[in-house]
Amino acid sequence: MQNLVREWIEKAEGDFATAQREWRARRNRNQDAVCFHAKQCIEKYLKALLQKDKAPFTKTHDLAILGKACAAKHPLLAPRIADLDALSRFAVLFRYPGESAARQDAATAVRLMKAYRLSLRQELGLNN
């Protein structure tokens, strides 16, 4: 496995662990952080897959754009690209004053993160 692919995966796993740890917090859970790190996890896994495929990608944080680029070689990812839009919005929607993630937002982010992480790890040939 290429070093850069491995680095993307390690960064993605860091975000996965942070989202999971914050989601499991019994007190003072930061729902915004759960949403943000869930989205970051999937962004980095998508970039790992593109890197593995040696597919060029721009400096974007839009998961739908990255997902469509991945789906060109990995058609099993295509049917769920619409869900990536929802997850992508978590990157900025709850990062600034005026909006805060609710428990349901965080639950949705974690559910999508886990599902996409599983699919992307399979596409990358990783054990789950």
Foldseek 3Di string as FASTA:
>chain_A
DDPLLVVLQVLLVVLLVQLVVLLPDPPPRQLLSNLQSLLSSLQSLLVSLCVVVVHDDDPDSQQLVSQVSNCVVVVVSPVCSVLSNLSSCSNPQDPDPPDGDDNVSSVSSNVVSVVSVVVSCVSVVHDD
